[in-house]
Protein backbone atom coordinates (compact mmCIF):
# COMPACT_ATOMS: atom_id res chain seq x y z
CA UNK A 1 8.17 -14.26 -36.61
CA UNK A 2 10.63 -17.06 -36.07
CA UNK A 3 12.25 -17.59 -32.47
CA UNK A 4 15.22 -16.06 -33.89
CA UNK A 5 14.11 -12.82 -34.55
CA UNK A 6 11.96 -12.78 -31.15
CA UNK A 7 15.10 -13.37 -29.44
CA UNK A 8 17.06 -10.84 -31.12
CA UNK A 9 19.53 -13.29 -33.22
CA UNK A 10 20.37 -11.37 -36.39
CA UNK A 11 21.15 -12.80 -39.95
CA UNK A 12 20.82 -16.62 -39.06
CA UNK A 13 18.47 -19.04 -37.05
CA UNK A 14 19.36 -20.69 -33.92
CA UNK A 15 19.58 -24.02 -35.80
CA UNK A 16 22.29 -22.64 -37.86
CA UNK A 17 24.33 -21.27 -35.07
CA UNK A 18 24.33 -24.75 -33.23
CA UNK A 19 25.44 -26.37 -36.70
CA UNK A 20 28.25 -24.30 -37.17
CA UNK A 21 29.19 -24.56 -33.64
CA UNK A 22 29.14 -28.40 -33.88
CA UNK A 23 31.31 -28.11 -37.04
CA UNK A 24 33.96 -26.14 -35.13
CA UNK A 25 34.29 -28.39 -32.21
CA UNK A 26 34.62 -31.81 -34.21
CA UNK A 27 38.35 -31.86 -33.40
CA UNK A 28 38.48 -31.09 -29.51
CA UNK A 29 41.47 -31.63 -27.86
CA UNK A 30 41.83 -34.51 -25.40
CA UNK A 31 41.63 -33.71 -21.60
CA UNK A 32 43.68 -35.54 -18.49
CA UNK A 33 41.09 -35.73 -15.42
CA UNK A 34 37.86 -37.04 -14.39
CA UNK A 35 34.94 -37.45 -16.99
CA UNK A 36 36.31 -36.89 -20.23
CA UNK A 37 39.85 -36.11 -18.92
CA UNK A 38 39.69 -39.78 -17.87
CA UNK A 39 40.85 -41.00 -21.36
CA UNK A 40 43.81 -38.62 -22.50
CA UNK A 41 43.52 -40.27 -26.22
CA UNK A 42 39.90 -39.24 -26.65
CA UNK A 43 39.15 -36.64 -28.91
CA UNK A 44 36.14 -34.55 -27.62
CA UNK A 45 33.48 -34.26 -30.28
CA UNK A 46 30.65 -31.68 -29.85
CA UNK A 47 28.33 -33.61 -32.17
CA UNK A 48 27.04 -35.82 -29.51
CA UNK A 49 26.97 -32.73 -27.08
CA UNK A 50 28.42 -34.60 -24.16
CA UNK A 51 31.26 -32.21 -23.87
CA UNK A 52 28.91 -29.32 -23.64
CA UNK A 53 26.36 -31.17 -21.03
CA UNK A 54 29.80 -31.86 -18.92
CA UNK A 55 30.37 -28.02 -18.86
CA UNK A 56 26.99 -27.27 -17.96
CA UNK A 57 26.87 -30.29 -15.36
CA UNK A 58 30.04 -28.62 -13.76
CA UNK A 59 28.99 -25.00 -13.72
CA UNK A 60 25.44 -26.10 -12.28
CA UNK A 61 26.48 -28.26 -9.62
CA UNK A 62 30.37 -27.45 -8.26
CA UNK A 63 29.79 -24.26 -5.84
CA UNK A 64 33.14 -22.82 -6.85
CA UNK A 65 33.94 -24.11 -10.51
CA UNK A 66 35.45 -20.72 -11.39
CA UNK A 67 38.83 -21.87 -9.47
CA UNK A 68 39.57 -24.90 -11.74
CA UNK A 69 37.96 -25.13 -14.60
CA UNK A 70 40.66 -24.18 -16.86
CA UNK A 71 42.85 -26.73 -15.12
CA UNK A 72 40.37 -29.17 -15.99
CA UNK A 73 40.84 -28.41 -19.70
CA UNK A 74 43.65 -26.50 -20.22
CA UNK A 75 44.19 -26.94 -23.77
CA UNK A 76 40.60 -26.25 -24.39
CA UNK A 77 39.67 -22.74 -26.19
CA UNK A 78 36.94 -21.25 -24.00
CA UNK A 79 37.19 -18.05 -25.66
CA UNK A 80 35.47 -19.10 -28.92
CA UNK A 81 31.94 -17.22 -29.16
CA UNK A 82 30.26 -20.36 -30.85
CA UNK A 83 30.98 -22.29 -27.69
CA UNK A 84 28.94 -19.67 -25.48
CA UNK A 85 25.97 -19.72 -27.71
CA UNK A 86 26.23 -23.40 -27.43
CA UNK A 87 26.40 -23.31 -23.60
CA UNK A 88 23.98 -20.95 -23.78
CA UNK A 89 21.53 -23.08 -25.36
CA UNK A 90 22.08 -26.36 -23.39
CA UNK A 91 22.11 -24.63 -19.81
CA UNK A 92 18.60 -23.18 -20.27
CA UNK A 93 19.35 -20.97 -17.34
CA UNK A 94 19.82 -17.31 -17.85
CA UNK A 95 21.48 -16.59 -14.30
CA UNK A 96 24.11 -19.22 -14.57
CA UNK A 97 24.94 -18.65 -18.11
CA UNK A 98 25.28 -15.01 -17.15
CA UNK A 99 27.65 -16.25 -14.51
CA UNK A 100 29.68 -18.45 -17.08
CA UNK A 101 29.68 -15.25 -19.24
CA UNK A 102 31.63 -12.89 -16.90
CA UNK A 103 33.86 -15.54 -15.85
CA UNK A 104 34.89 -16.51 -19.87
CA UNK A 105 35.42 -12.52 -20.10
CA UNK A 106 37.74 -12.30 -17.03
CA UNK A 107 39.42 -15.40 -17.15
CA UNK A 108 39.81 -16.75 -20.53
CA UNK A 109 40.07 -13.53 -22.83
CA UNK A 110 36.35 -13.86 -24.43
CA UNK A 111 35.06 -10.96 -26.70
CA UNK A 112 31.77 -11.54 -27.13
CA UNK A 113 30.21 -10.85 -30.47
CA UNK A 114 26.83 -9.03 -31.17
CA UNK A 115 25.14 -12.80 -31.43
CA UNK A 116 26.32 -13.44 -27.89
CA UNK A 117 25.47 -10.17 -26.43
CA UNK A 118 22.03 -10.45 -27.85
CA UNK A 119 21.50 -14.16 -27.00
CA UNK A 120 22.51 -13.76 -23.69
CA UNK A 121 19.96 -10.30 -23.24
CA UNK A 122 17.28 -12.14 -24.56
CA UNK A 123 17.84 -15.06 -22.25
CA UNK A 124 17.74 -12.79 -19.56
CA UNK A 125 14.58 -11.00 -20.47
CA UNK A 126 12.74 -14.32 -20.93
CA UNK A 127 13.85 -15.39 -17.46
CA UNK A 128 12.27 -11.91 -16.04
CA UNK A 129 15.79 -11.20 -14.78
CA UNK A 130 15.28 -7.44 -15.48
CA UNK A 131 18.01 -6.04 -13.45
CA UNK A 132 20.52 -8.41 -14.81
CA UNK A 133 19.41 -7.56 -18.19
CA UNK A 134 19.75 -4.08 -17.32
CA UNK A 135 23.28 -4.28 -16.29
CA UNK A 136 24.10 -5.96 -19.80
CA UNK A 137 22.73 -3.08 -21.57
CA UNK A 138 25.56 -1.02 -20.30
CA UNK A 139 28.25 -3.16 -22.14
CA UNK A 140 29.53 -1.06 -25.40
CA UNK A 141 29.07 -4.57 -27.59
CA UNK A 142 25.39 -4.64 -26.99
CA UNK A 143 23.08 -3.33 -29.51
CA UNK A 144 19.40 -5.05 -28.84
CA UNK A 145 17.03 -5.89 -31.79
CA UNK A 146 13.75 -3.63 -31.40
CA UNK A 147 11.82 -6.93 -30.69
CA UNK A 148 14.58 -7.59 -27.79
CA UNK A 149 13.96 -4.23 -26.46
CA UNK A 150 10.14 -4.51 -26.59
CA UNK A 151 10.36 -7.68 -24.54
CA UNK A 152 12.82 -6.20 -22.29
CA UNK A 153 10.36 -2.99 -21.77
CA UNK A 154 7.54 -5.59 -20.85
CA UNK A 155 9.50 -7.46 -18.69
CA UNK A 156 10.22 -4.26 -16.84
CA UNK A 157 6.68 -3.30 -16.62
CA UNK A 158 5.76 -6.65 -15.51
CA UNK A 159 8.16 -6.57 -12.61
CA UNK A 160 6.93 -3.42 -11.32
CA UNK A 161 10.33 -1.39 -12.60
CA UNK A 162 7.99 1.12 -13.80
CA UNK A 163 10.29 4.15 -14.02
CA UNK A 164 13.06 2.18 -15.94
CA UNK A 165 10.29 1.34 -18.42
CA UNK A 166 9.48 4.83 -18.91
CA UNK A 167 13.13 6.16 -19.12
CA UNK A 168 13.69 2.87 -21.64
CA UNK A 169 10.64 4.14 -23.73
CA UNK A 170 12.34 7.35 -24.31
CA UNK A 171 15.46 6.11 -25.22
CA UNK A 172 14.50 3.46 -28.09
CA UNK A 173 15.03 4.83 -31.23
CA UNK A 174 12.03 3.31 -32.72
CA UNK A 175 8.50 3.44 -32.15
CA UNK A 176 7.27 0.36 -30.08
CA UNK A 177 4.03 -1.68 -30.42
CA UNK A 178 0.84 -0.57 -28.59
CA UNK A 179 1.22 -3.84 -26.74
CA UNK A 180 4.42 -2.61 -25.12
CA UNK A 181 2.88 0.85 -24.69
CA UNK A 182 0.06 -0.94 -22.91
CA UNK A 183 2.04 -2.94 -20.67
CA UNK A 184 3.84 0.15 -19.35
CA UNK A 185 0.58 1.73 -18.60
CA UNK A 186 -0.89 -1.10 -16.78
CA UNK A 187 2.34 -1.09 -14.65
CA UNK A 188 2.22 2.50 -13.81
CA UNK A 189 -1.56 2.14 -12.91
CA UNK A 190 -0.73 -0.80 -10.71
CA UNK A 191 1.93 1.06 -8.93
CA UNK A 192 -0.37 4.04 -8.25
CA UNK A 193 1.90 6.29 -10.26
CA UNK A 194 -1.02 7.74 -12.35
CA UNK A 195 1.31 10.82 -13.32
CA UNK A 196 3.68 8.44 -14.98
CA UNK A 197 0.36 7.22 -16.83
CA UNK A 198 0.08 10.84 -18.43
CA UNK A 199 3.66 11.03 -19.15
CA UNK A 200 3.53 7.75 -21.13
CA UNK A 201 0.62 8.93 -22.94
CA UNK A 202 2.28 12.20 -23.76
CA UNK A 203 4.93 9.97 -25.31
CA UNK A 204 2.38 7.95 -27.21
CA UNK A 205 1.00 10.76 -29.08
CA UNK A 206 4.68 12.11 -30.02
CA UNK A 207 5.69 8.88 -31.15
CA UNK A 208 3.22 8.21 -33.92
CA UNK A 209 1.63 5.29 -32.47
CA UNK A 210 -1.76 7.13 -32.05
CA UNK A 211 -2.98 5.29 -34.60
CA UNK A 212 -2.77 2.08 -33.04
CA UNK A 213 -4.38 3.13 -29.77
CA UNK A 214 -6.79 0.29 -28.90
CA UNK A 215 -9.58 -0.11 -26.42
CA UNK A 216 -7.07 -1.54 -23.83
CA UNK A 217 -5.52 1.54 -23.94
CA UNK A 218 -8.56 3.98 -23.54
CA UNK A 219 -9.37 1.69 -20.53
CA UNK A 220 -6.44 1.82 -19.06
CA UNK A 221 -7.07 5.77 -19.20
CA UNK A 222 -10.24 5.56 -17.67
CA UNK A 223 -8.84 3.67 -14.88
CA UNK A 224 -6.27 6.12 -14.11
CA UNK A 225 -8.90 9.04 -14.23
CA UNK A 226 -10.91 6.48 -11.35
CA UNK A 227 -7.76 6.33 -9.56
CA UNK A 228 -7.36 9.83 -9.24
CA UNK A 229 -11.01 10.46 -8.33
CA UNK A 230 -11.98 12.20 -11.54
CA UNK A 231 -14.55 9.32 -12.29
CA UNK A 232 -16.56 11.95 -14.31
CA UNK A 233 -13.86 12.18 -16.61
CA UNK A 234 -13.36 8.54 -17.08
CA UNK A 235 -17.26 7.97 -17.73
CA UNK A 236 -16.67 10.66 -20.56
CA UNK A 237 -14.05 8.47 -22.26
CA UNK A 238 -16.24 5.56 -21.65
CA UNK A 239 -19.06 7.03 -23.67
CA UNK A 240 -16.67 7.91 -26.18
CA UNK A 241 -15.86 4.41 -26.54
CA UNK A 242 -19.56 3.28 -26.62
CA UNK A 243 -20.14 5.72 -29.62
CA UNK A 244 -17.72 4.12 -31.42
CA UNK A 245 -19.13 0.62 -30.94
CA UNK A 246 -16.35 -0.51 -28.67
CA UNK A 247 -16.43 -1.20 -25.04
CA UNK A 248 -13.96 -2.14 -22.26
CA UNK A 249 -13.22 -5.14 -20.22
CA UNK A 250 -15.41 -5.87 -16.78
CA UNK A 251 -12.36 -4.34 -14.78
CA UNK A 252 -12.76 -0.87 -16.47
CA UNK A 253 -16.24 -0.76 -15.60
CA UNK A 254 -15.70 -2.06 -12.01
CA UNK A 255 -13.56 1.03 -11.69
CA UNK A 256 -15.84 3.16 -12.78
CA UNK A 257 -18.42 1.66 -10.34
CA UNK A 258 -16.24 1.90 -7.54
CA UNK A 259 -15.58 5.72 -8.09
CA UNK A 260 -19.19 6.22 -8.37
CA UNK A 261 -20.10 4.35 -5.03
CA UNK A 262 -17.45 6.59 -3.42
CA UNK A 263 -18.98 9.64 -4.74
CA UNK A 264 -22.32 8.07 -3.75
CA UNK A 265 -23.96 8.71 -7.17
CA UNK A 266 -25.96 5.38 -7.33
CA UNK A 267 -27.75 6.44 -10.40
CA UNK A 268 -24.54 6.47 -12.34
CA UNK A 269 -23.72 3.07 -10.80
CA UNK A 270 -27.09 1.64 -12.10
CA UNK A 271 -26.58 3.34 -15.33
CA UNK A 272 -23.37 1.45 -15.98
CA UNK A 273 -24.89 -1.89 -14.83
CA UNK A 274 -27.53 -1.52 -17.25
CA UNK A 275 -24.72 -0.67 -20.13
CA UNK A 276 -22.70 -3.92 -19.26
CA UNK A 277 -25.50 -5.91 -19.57
CA UNK A 278 -26.30 -4.44 -22.78
CA UNK A 279 -23.12 -4.89 -24.06
CA UNK A 280 -23.09 -8.54 -22.78
CA UNK A 281 -20.57 -7.68 -20.63
CA UNK A 282 -22.46 -9.46 -17.85
CA UNK A 283 -21.40 -8.17 -14.38
CA UNK A 284 -19.21 -10.84 -12.57
CA UNK A 285 -18.96 -11.37 -8.79
CA UNK A 286 -16.20 -8.64 -8.39
CA UNK A 287 -18.38 -5.89 -9.89
CA UNK A 288 -21.17 -6.86 -7.64
CA UNK A 289 -18.50 -7.07 -4.81
CA UNK A 290 -17.60 -3.42 -5.36
CA UNK A 291 -21.43 -1.93 -5.46
CA UNK A 292 -21.80 -4.00 -2.27
CA UNK A 293 -18.84 -2.58 -0.58
CA UNK A 294 -19.27 0.84 -1.60
CA UNK A 295 -23.03 0.64 -0.27
CA UNK A 296 -21.97 -0.74 2.92
CA UNK A 297 -19.18 1.37 3.59
CA UNK A 298 -21.43 4.51 3.72
CA UNK A 299 -23.71 2.79 6.19
CA UNK A 300 -26.39 2.19 3.09
CA UNK A 301 -28.69 -0.91 3.78
CA UNK A 302 -29.29 -1.11 -0.16
CA UNK A 303 -25.87 -3.04 -0.09
CA UNK A 304 -27.60 -5.52 1.92
CA UNK A 305 -30.45 -5.80 -0.28
CA UNK A 306 -28.10 -6.04 -3.40
CA UNK A 307 -26.13 -8.93 -1.79
CA UNK A 308 -29.48 -10.90 -1.22
CA UNK A 309 -30.98 -10.09 -4.51
CA UNK A 310 -27.98 -11.56 -5.93
CA UNK A 311 -28.31 -14.85 -4.19
CA UNK A 312 -32.06 -15.26 -5.08
CA UNK A 313 -30.64 -14.77 -9.18
CA UNK A 314 -28.48 -17.67 -8.71
CA UNK A 315 -24.95 -15.80 -8.08
CA UNK A 316 -22.90 -17.70 -5.19
CA UNK A 317 -21.02 -15.11 -3.03
CA UNK A 318 -17.83 -15.77 -1.83
CA UNK A 319 -15.90 -15.63 1.69
CA UNK A 320 -15.05 -12.18 1.08
CA UNK A 321 -18.47 -10.91 0.06
CA UNK A 322 -20.12 -12.75 3.31
CA UNK A 323 -17.23 -10.94 5.26
CA UNK A 324 -17.78 -7.62 3.47
CA UNK A 325 -21.46 -7.89 4.19
CA UNK A 326 -21.07 -8.98 7.79
CA UNK A 327 -18.72 -6.14 8.51
CA UNK A 328 -21.13 -3.75 6.88
CA UNK A 329 -24.02 -4.88 8.96
CA UNK A 330 -21.76 -4.70 12.38
CA UNK A 331 -21.17 -1.04 11.46
CA UNK A 332 -24.93 -0.52 10.74
CA UNK A 333 -25.68 -1.57 14.02
CA UNK A 334 -27.36 -4.56 12.95
CA UNK A 335 -25.37 -7.60 15.06
CA UNK A 336 -28.27 -9.82 14.67
CA UNK A 337 -28.39 -10.11 11.17
CA UNK A 338 -24.71 -10.10 11.09
CA UNK A 339 -24.31 -13.25 13.14
CA UNK A 340 -27.17 -14.78 10.87
CA UNK A 341 -25.07 -14.30 7.91
CA UNK A 342 -22.10 -15.83 10.09
CA UNK A 343 -23.85 -19.05 10.31
CA UNK A 344 -24.91 -19.19 6.82
CA UNK A 345 -21.60 -18.92 5.43
CA UNK A 346 -20.38 -21.63 7.85
CA UNK A 347 -23.16 -23.72 6.46
CA UNK A 348 -22.40 -23.06 2.87
CA UNK A 349 -18.92 -24.39 3.48
CA UNK A 350 -17.01 -20.96 3.99
CA UNK A 351 -14.94 -21.26 7.17
CA UNK A 352 -14.80 -17.70 8.76
CA UNK A 353 -11.09 -16.39 8.41
CA UNK A 354 -9.31 -14.39 10.89
CA UNK A 355 -10.52 -11.30 9.54
CA UNK A 356 -14.04 -12.39 9.75
CA UNK A 357 -13.62 -13.35 13.23
CA UNK A 358 -11.79 -9.95 14.25
CA UNK A 359 -15.11 -7.90 12.64
CA UNK A 360 -17.30 -10.05 14.95
CA UNK A 361 -15.52 -9.71 17.78
CA UNK A 362 -15.03 -5.97 17.47
CA UNK A 363 -18.52 -5.78 16.88
CA UNK A 364 -19.48 -7.52 20.04
CA UNK A 365 -17.27 -5.18 22.22
CA UNK A 366 -18.74 -2.21 20.39
CA UNK A 367 -22.32 -3.41 21.77
CA UNK A 368 -21.07 -4.41 24.74
CA UNK A 369 -21.56 -8.10 24.84
CA UNK A 370 -18.22 -9.18 26.31
CA UNK A 371 -19.47 -12.41 26.85
CA UNK A 372 -19.92 -13.41 22.97
CA UNK A 373 -16.72 -11.49 22.00
CA UNK A 374 -14.90 -13.68 24.59
CA UNK A 375 -16.34 -16.80 22.94
CA UNK A 376 -15.49 -15.54 19.71
CA UNK A 377 -11.81 -15.38 20.85
CA UNK A 378 -11.83 -18.73 22.42
CA UNK A 379 -13.33 -20.46 19.20
CA UNK A 380 -10.48 -18.46 17.01
CA UNK A 381 -8.24 -20.12 19.51
CA UNK A 382 -9.72 -23.41 19.08
CA UNK A 383 -9.17 -23.22 15.24
CA UNK A 384 -5.81 -21.50 15.14
CA UNK A 385 -6.48 -18.36 14.18
CA UNK A 386 -5.90 -16.39 17.54
CA UNK A 387 -2.19 -16.31 17.77
CA UNK A 388 -1.88 -13.14 15.84
CA UNK A 389 -1.09 -9.66 16.43
CA UNK A 390 -4.22 -7.95 15.24
CA UNK A 391 -6.58 -10.87 16.78
CA UNK A 392 -5.00 -9.89 20.61
CA UNK A 393 -4.67 -6.14 19.78
CA UNK A 394 -8.83 -6.29 18.85
CA UNK A 395 -9.05 -8.29 22.39
CA UNK A 396 -6.92 -5.57 24.05
CA UNK A 397 -8.86 -2.82 22.46
CA UNK A 398 -12.36 -4.12 23.27
CA UNK A 399 -11.41 -4.79 26.94
CA UNK A 400 -9.91 -1.43 27.55
CA UNK A 401 -13.00 0.17 25.63
CA UNK A 402 -15.19 -1.34 28.62
CA UNK A 403 -12.37 -0.43 31.40
CA UNK A 404 -10.95 -4.08 31.84
CA UNK A 405 -7.30 -3.06 31.85
CA UNK A 406 -6.22 -5.78 34.14
CA UNK A 407 -7.40 -8.42 31.67
CA UNK A 408 -6.15 -6.32 28.54
CA UNK A 409 -2.59 -5.72 30.47
CA UNK A 410 -2.72 -10.02 31.15
CA UNK A 411 -3.03 -10.39 27.20
CA UNK A 412 -0.53 -7.72 26.65
CA UNK A 413 1.80 -9.85 28.59
CA UNK A 414 0.62 -13.06 27.14
CA UNK A 415 1.45 -11.94 23.90
CA UNK A 416 5.36 -11.37 24.84
CA UNK A 417 5.28 -14.92 26.36
CA UNK A 418 4.13 -16.43 22.99
CA UNK A 419 6.23 -14.47 20.93
CA UNK A 420 3.78 -12.51 19.48
CA UNK A 421 4.61 -9.26 18.05
CA UNK A 422 3.17 -6.29 19.85
CA UNK A 423 3.11 -3.52 17.21
CA UNK A 424 2.48 0.23 17.38
CA UNK A 425 -1.07 -0.14 17.20
CA UNK A 426 -1.37 -2.68 20.35
CA UNK A 427 0.86 -0.08 22.26
CA UNK A 428 -1.37 2.56 21.46
CA UNK A 429 -4.47 0.94 22.18
CA UNK A 430 -3.17 -0.43 25.85
CA UNK A 431 -1.85 3.06 26.50
CA UNK A 432 -5.35 4.72 25.50
CA UNK A 433 -7.23 2.33 27.83
CA UNK A 434 -5.11 2.77 30.60
CA UNK A 435 -5.18 6.51 30.51
CA UNK A 436 -9.00 6.38 30.22
CA UNK A 437 -9.09 4.02 33.36
CA UNK A 438 -6.57 7.02 35.04
CA UNK A 439 -3.85 4.80 35.15
CA UNK A 440 -1.43 7.10 34.05
CA UNK A 441 2.02 5.70 35.51
CA UNK A 442 1.33 2.14 33.94
CA UNK A 443 0.36 4.21 30.37
CA UNK A 444 3.79 6.12 30.66
CA UNK A 445 5.83 3.19 31.59
CA UNK A 446 4.21 1.30 28.33
CA UNK A 447 5.27 4.49 26.50
CA UNK A 448 8.52 4.35 27.57
CA UNK A 449 8.81 0.87 26.93
CA UNK A 450 7.44 1.36 23.44
CA UNK A 451 10.36 3.82 22.69
CA UNK A 452 13.06 1.53 24.16
CA UNK A 453 11.70 -1.22 21.64
CA UNK A 454 12.62 1.18 18.80
CA UNK A 455 9.48 1.26 17.68
CA UNK A 456 8.18 4.89 15.98
CA UNK A 457 5.63 6.60 18.28
CA UNK A 458 2.60 8.30 16.65
CA UNK A 459 0.46 11.13 17.49
CA UNK A 460 -2.03 8.32 19.15
CA UNK A 461 0.91 7.34 21.64
CA UNK A 462 1.21 10.67 23.28
CA UNK A 463 -2.41 12.04 22.93
CA UNK A 464 -4.20 10.14 25.60
CA UNK A 465 -1.18 10.81 28.06
CA UNK A 466 -1.42 14.43 27.51
CA UNK A 467 -5.25 14.68 28.27
CA UNK A 468 -4.93 12.33 31.31
CA UNK A 469 -2.14 14.43 32.76
CA UNK A 470 -3.90 17.61 31.94
CA UNK A 471 -6.99 16.17 33.80
CA UNK A 472 -5.09 14.87 36.80
CA UNK A 473 -3.49 18.82 37.13
CA UNK A 474 -0.05 17.81 35.66
CA UNK A 475 -0.31 20.26 32.89
CA UNK A 476 3.56 20.77 33.03
CA UNK A 477 4.13 17.27 32.26
CA UNK A 478 1.72 17.30 29.40
CA UNK A 479 3.77 19.98 28.00
CA UNK A 480 6.91 18.27 28.16
CA UNK A 481 5.20 15.24 26.57
CA UNK A 482 4.11 17.76 23.72
CA UNK A 483 7.67 18.90 23.29
CA UNK A 484 8.89 15.74 22.98
CA UNK A 485 6.23 14.91 20.08
CA UNK A 486 7.60 18.12 18.28
CA UNK A 487 11.07 16.78 18.72
CA UNK A 488 10.06 13.71 17.10
CA UNK A 489 8.56 15.61 14.12
CA UNK A 490 4.98 14.71 15.26
CA UNK A 491 2.13 17.13 14.55
CA UNK A 492 -0.02 17.51 17.88
CA UNK A 493 -3.78 17.53 17.09
CA UNK A 494 -5.87 20.49 17.58
CA UNK A 495 -7.60 18.45 20.58
CA UNK A 496 -3.89 18.24 22.39
CA UNK A 497 -3.73 22.12 22.52
CA UNK A 498 -7.39 22.01 23.98
CA UNK A 499 -6.41 19.76 26.88
CA UNK A 500 -3.25 21.84 27.66
CA UNK A 501 -5.12 25.20 27.59
CA UNK A 502 -7.85 23.63 29.79
CA UNK A 503 -5.47 22.08 31.99
CA UNK A 504 -3.87 25.71 32.25
CA UNK A 505 -6.77 27.39 32.98
CA UNK A 506 -7.64 24.71 35.72
CA UNK A 507 -4.49 25.35 37.57
CA UNK A 508 -4.82 29.37 37.39
CA UNK A 509 -2.37 29.92 34.52
CA UNK A 510 -4.91 31.54 32.05
CA UNK A 511 -2.68 33.95 30.39
CA UNK A 512 -0.07 31.21 29.28
CA UNK A 513 -3.69 29.58 28.05
CA UNK A 514 -4.21 32.53 26.04
CA UNK A 515 -0.99 32.02 24.83
CA UNK A 516 -1.26 28.50 23.64
CA UNK A 517 -4.76 29.63 22.08
CA UNK A 518 -3.00 32.21 19.92
CA UNK A 519 -0.20 29.97 18.75
CA UNK A 520 -3.00 27.85 17.46
CA UNK A 521 -4.32 30.43 15.12
CA UNK A 522 -0.84 30.69 13.83
CA UNK A 523 -0.59 27.21 13.60
CA UNK A 524 -4.23 27.22 11.52
CA UNK A 525 -5.81 25.00 14.21
CA UNK A 526 -9.29 25.36 15.24
CA UNK A 527 -9.90 25.16 19.32
CA UNK A 528 -13.12 23.57 20.37
CA UNK A 529 -15.88 26.01 21.88
CA UNK A 530 -15.51 24.56 25.21
CA UNK A 531 -11.77 25.65 25.24
CA UNK A 532 -13.07 28.84 24.73
CA UNK A 533 -15.52 28.75 27.82
CA UNK A 534 -12.69 27.36 30.00
CA UNK A 535 -10.37 30.38 29.18
CA UNK A 536 -13.28 32.69 29.24
CA UNK A 537 -14.35 31.93 32.79
CA UNK A 538 -10.41 31.42 34.17
CA UNK A 539 -9.60 34.93 32.86
CA UNK A 540 -13.00 36.23 34.14
CA UNK A 541 -11.85 35.04 37.68
CA UNK A 542 -8.53 37.05 37.41
CA UNK A 543 -10.75 40.21 36.40
CA UNK A 544 -8.97 40.30 33.00
CA UNK A 545 -11.41 42.25 31.11
CA UNK A 546 -9.00 43.28 28.02
CA UNK A 547 -7.98 39.84 27.38
CA UNK A 548 -11.42 38.59 27.71
CA UNK A 549 -12.46 40.98 25.04
CA UNK A 550 -9.80 39.74 22.59
CA UNK A 551 -10.55 35.84 23.31
CA UNK A 552 -14.52 36.80 22.55
CA UNK A 553 -13.53 38.43 19.23
CA UNK A 554 -11.34 35.66 18.12
CA UNK A 555 -14.17 33.00 19.42
CA UNK A 556 -17.13 35.12 17.32
CA UNK A 557 -14.90 35.22 14.38
CA UNK A 558 -14.38 31.48 13.83
CA UNK A 559 -18.30 31.27 14.28
CA UNK A 560 -18.93 30.41 17.88
CA UNK A 561 -21.52 31.82 20.26
CA UNK A 562 -21.49 32.12 24.27
CA UNK A 563 -23.51 30.26 26.46
CA UNK A 564 -26.61 32.18 27.89
CA UNK A 565 -24.98 31.44 31.47
CA UNK A 566 -21.47 32.73 30.40
CA UNK A 567 -23.19 36.21 29.13
CA UNK A 568 -25.08 36.88 32.33
CA UNK A 569 -21.91 36.01 34.41
CA UNK A 570 -19.62 38.52 32.41
CA UNK A 571 -22.15 41.24 32.43
CA UNK A 572 -22.82 40.72 36.31
CA UNK A 573 -19.10 40.66 36.89
CA UNK A 574 -18.21 43.54 34.66
CA UNK A 575 -21.16 46.04 35.11
CA UNK A 576 -20.12 46.93 38.63
CA UNK A 577 -18.96 50.50 39.45
CA UNK A 578 -15.53 49.44 39.61
CA UNK A 579 -15.28 48.67 35.95
CA UNK A 580 -15.71 51.39 32.98
CA UNK A 581 -16.07 50.66 29.77
CA UNK A 582 -15.30 53.56 27.55
CA UNK A 583 -15.21 51.99 24.41
CA UNK A 584 -18.08 49.92 24.98
CA UNK A 585 -16.56 46.57 23.51
CA UNK A 586 -17.91 44.25 25.59
CA UNK A 587 -21.78 45.71 25.02
CA UNK A 588 -20.77 45.27 21.22
CA UNK A 589 -19.48 41.83 21.42
CA UNK A 590 -22.10 40.78 23.41
CA UNK A 591 -24.53 42.30 20.60
CA UNK A 592 -22.79 40.13 17.93
CA UNK A 593 -23.14 36.81 19.92
C-alpha cells in the first residue's frame, strides 16, 4: 500500500500533488516587505520551496501572524487548494497546519477540496490529535477514505477515547480490519470497560469479520473474563485455543494466573504454568510476580518458597518483587525474614523506594518496635524520601496506634510548616488516634479544620468521634454528628449505630435505644451481639418486660444467643410474684435460646 493510499489521498500520489503545485507557483507575484518582500522586482518561484518555507517560518515563529500575513503578501492567492497541500507537507506540524487551515477558510475565502480535507485529517490522525480530527469530521466536505478512518479509530483507541471508537465503528460504512477491532478491544479492556468489549464483539460478529478473528482477539476476550472475575470461562476459551493448536501471549496466561490466585485455585495456576512451558511460552518475571503476589496477599507462605526457588533457578528479582515479598512477610508476621530480605535487596543494588520504606515502617509499628520505625523514618529523611504525605501519614498512624498522640500531632504540624499536603487519610489517622486516647476536644477541632480546608470527609472521619462521645456520656452530641454525616450523604456503618444504642442505654434512654435498634433492621444493618446485651440489661432495670421480649425475639431471629448470666438475671427478676406471664412468652423464648 502506498503512502498516498494510507493517508487517504485519492487518485494521485503525493509526488504528483507537489509537482502540480510547484507548476502553479512558477509565476507568483512579487511582494514589498521583509524577506521576499525586500525585492519588489523578484518573482516568487515555488520550485525552490523558499516561499513555502518562509510562510511556514512565519506561522511557526510569529505569535499573532494571522493579523498581518495578508498585508505582507497582499497580491498572493492564498485560496488555491494546491498551496495548502504544499504548506501541509513542508510545515510537518499537524496542529499548526490546522490553525493555518482555519485562517485560510476564515480570512482568504479558501474552499477546501476533498484532497485538502483528507490530507489534513490524516496528518492529525498521524499526530495523535484525535479531538482535532474528530472536529474536522463534522466538516461537510470531508469524506475520509477507509484507510484513514481505520487509522482514526485506532488513534481513538490508543488515546483512551473508547466510547468514540465504539461509536465510530458503528458508523463506518465498511468492515474494518481485525487489527482495528483488536485495537478497540484492547483500549476498552485497559479502560476497565468490559461491557464495551462485549458490545464490540457483537458488532464484530455482525460485521462479517468473524472469519478473520485471530488469537489476539480471543486473548482479549479471555482477559475480559478474568477482569470480570469469570476466570473459569476464560480458562475454557484458552482450552479451545489450545485444542486448535494456538496459544495466546504471556500477558493472557498471566491474567488467568492472577484470576486463579485470587480464587485460591492453585492447582489451576500450576496447570497453566505447565501449559506455558509446554508451549515454549516461558513464564517471565511478571508471571511469577502475579503468582507470588497472589499467594502472599492471602498470607500463603508458598509465595516465599516460590520466590526463593526463582532465585535458585537463575531468575533476578527486581525491586518490585522484593518489595512484594517484604510486604507479604510483614503481613504474615515474619519481620525478621522481611528485614533480612531488605538488606539482601540493598546488597544486590536495589535501593529501597518510598513504598518499601513505608512497608517496613508500618510493620515495626505493628509489632510495637517504635525505635526501629523511627530509624526507618530518619533513614528516609537522609535519603530524601520522607518529605511526602504517605510517609508522614504512616508515622502519624503508627504513633497514634501506641498512644503517642503528642508526637503524632507534632509531625502533623510539621507537615503544614514544610508545605506537605495533609490529605483526608492524614486527618482521619490523627482524629482516630486522638479519640482512642480520649482527646475528643482536639479531635473535634481537627474535624472542623478538615471541613474548613474543603476536604470531603468520609465515614472514618466521624466514626471515631461518635464512638468517643458515646463512651464519654455525650450520646446526643454523637447523634448530632450522625445527622451531619447523613446530611453529607455519608452512610454510617452498623458499628456507629451500635455505639449510639450502647451510649443511650448507659444514659438511661433504653426506649430511644430500642428505636435505634428497630431502625437498624429497616436499614438492613446487623447489630452486634453485645448491643443486644446492653439494651436488654437497660430495659430490665426499667422493668420493661414486653420490650425485652421483642428484643429477644429479634436477637434470636438473627442467630444470636443470650449469655447464661443474662438468662439467670432475667428469670430471677421476672419470676417474682409481681410479674405474670399469661402467654408464657419468656419461657418459650428462653427455651429457643
